[in-house]
């Protein structure tokens, strides 16, 4: 049955081709952008408040 075949740990190929590696999703790109932008915003705000 289909479920028995899916349980096998061996990677199967279709017409000699294996599945490509996992690609980044839009959600992970948004998460990465948020993680990078928040510290940058805080640093720039601190520079603005302290020196300008």
C-alpha atoms as a PDB file:
ATOM      1  CA  UNK A   1       0.000   0.000   0.000  1.00  0.00           C
ATOM      2  CA  UNK A   2       0.998   3.652  -0.271  1.00  0.00           C
ATOM      3  CA  UNK A   3       1.568   4.127   3.472  1.00  0.00           C
ATOM      4  CA  UNK A   4       3.978   1.195   3.624  1.00  0.00           C
ATOM      5  CA  UNK A   5       6.005   2.633   0.778  1.00  0.00           C
ATOM      6  CA  UNK A   6       6.154   6.100   2.389  1.00  0.00           C
ATOM      7  CA  UNK A   7       7.566   4.648   5.627  1.00  0.00           C
ATOM      8  CA  UNK A   8      10.742   3.485   3.909  1.00  0.00           C
ATOM      9  CA  UNK A   9      13.766   5.560   4.857  1.00  0.00           C
ATOM     10  CA  UNK A  10      15.386   5.061   1.464  1.00  0.00           C
ATOM     11  CA  UNK A  11      15.035   8.117  -0.772  1.00  0.00           C
ATOM     12  CA  UNK A  12      13.271   7.250  -3.991  1.00  0.00           C
ATOM     13  CA  UNK A  13      13.936   8.762  -7.370  1.00  0.00           C
ATOM     14  CA  UNK A  14      11.437   9.623 -10.073  1.00  0.00           C
ATOM     15  CA  UNK A  15      12.866   9.160 -13.556  1.00  0.00           C
ATOM     16  CA  UNK A  16      16.349   9.247 -12.036  1.00  0.00           C
ATOM     17  CA  UNK A  17      15.825  12.652 -10.371  1.00  0.00           C
ATOM     18  CA  UNK A  18      15.772  13.308  -6.639  1.00  0.00           C
ATOM     19  CA  UNK A  19      13.884  16.146  -4.959  1.00  0.00           C
ATOM     20  CA  UNK A  20      15.766  19.461  -4.750  1.00  0.00           C
ATOM     21  CA  UNK A  21      16.949  20.834  -1.436  1.00  0.00           C
ATOM     22  CA  UNK A  22      14.546  22.810   0.727  1.00  0.00           C
ATOM     23  CA  UNK A  23      14.156  26.413  -0.422  1.00  0.00           C
ATOM     24  CA  UNK A  24      13.677  29.455   1.781  1.00  0.00           C
ATOM     25  CA  UNK A  25      10.079  30.416   2.215  1.00  0.00           C
ATOM     26  CA  UNK A  26       8.637  33.891   2.357  1.00  0.00           C
ATOM     27  CA  UNK A  27       7.943  33.454   6.069  1.00  0.00           C
ATOM     28  CA  UNK A  28      11.581  32.702   6.835  1.00  0.00           C
ATOM     29  CA  UNK A  29      12.670  35.688   4.740  1.00  0.00           C
ATOM     30  CA  UNK A  30      10.329  37.971   6.707  1.00  0.00           C
ATOM     31  CA  UNK A  31      11.586  36.533   9.982  1.00  0.00           C
ATOM     32  CA  UNK A  32      15.213  37.086   8.985  1.00  0.00           C
ATOM     33  CA  UNK A  33      14.490  40.648   7.851  1.00  0.00           C
ATOM     34  CA  UNK A  34      12.751  41.382  11.163  1.00  0.00           C
ATOM     35  CA  UNK A  35      15.586  39.937  13.218  1.00  0.00           C
ATOM     36  CA  UNK A  36      18.089  42.091  11.338  1.00  0.00           C
ATOM     37  CA  UNK A  37      16.049  45.297  11.192  1.00  0.00           C
ATOM     38  CA  UNK A  38      15.128  45.601  14.887  1.00  0.00           C
ATOM     39  CA  UNK A  39      18.724  45.926  16.209  1.00  0.00           C
ATOM     40  CA  UNK A  40      19.596  48.299  13.360  1.00  0.00           C
ATOM     41  CA  UNK A  41      16.589  50.457  14.236  1.00  0.00           C
ATOM     42  CA  UNK A  42      17.560  50.519  17.910  1.00  0.00           C
ATOM     43  CA  UNK A  43      21.170  51.483  17.166  1.00  0.00           C
ATOM     44  CA  UNK A  44      20.172  54.241  14.756  1.00  0.00           C
ATOM     45  CA  UNK A  45      17.595  55.583  17.209  1.00  0.00           C
ATOM     46  CA  UNK A  46      20.181  55.633  20.007  1.00  0.00           C
ATOM     47  CA  UNK A  47      22.647  57.499  17.777  1.00  0.00           C
ATOM     48  CA  UNK A  48      19.940  60.002  16.859  1.00  0.00           C
ATOM     49  CA  UNK A  49      18.934  60.626  20.472  1.00  0.00           C
ATOM     50  CA  UNK A  50      22.484  60.858  21.838  1.00  0.00           C
ATOM     51  CA  UNK A  51      24.282  62.824  19.145  1.00  0.00           C
ATOM     52  CA  UNK A  52      21.737  64.737  17.075  1.00  0.00           C
END
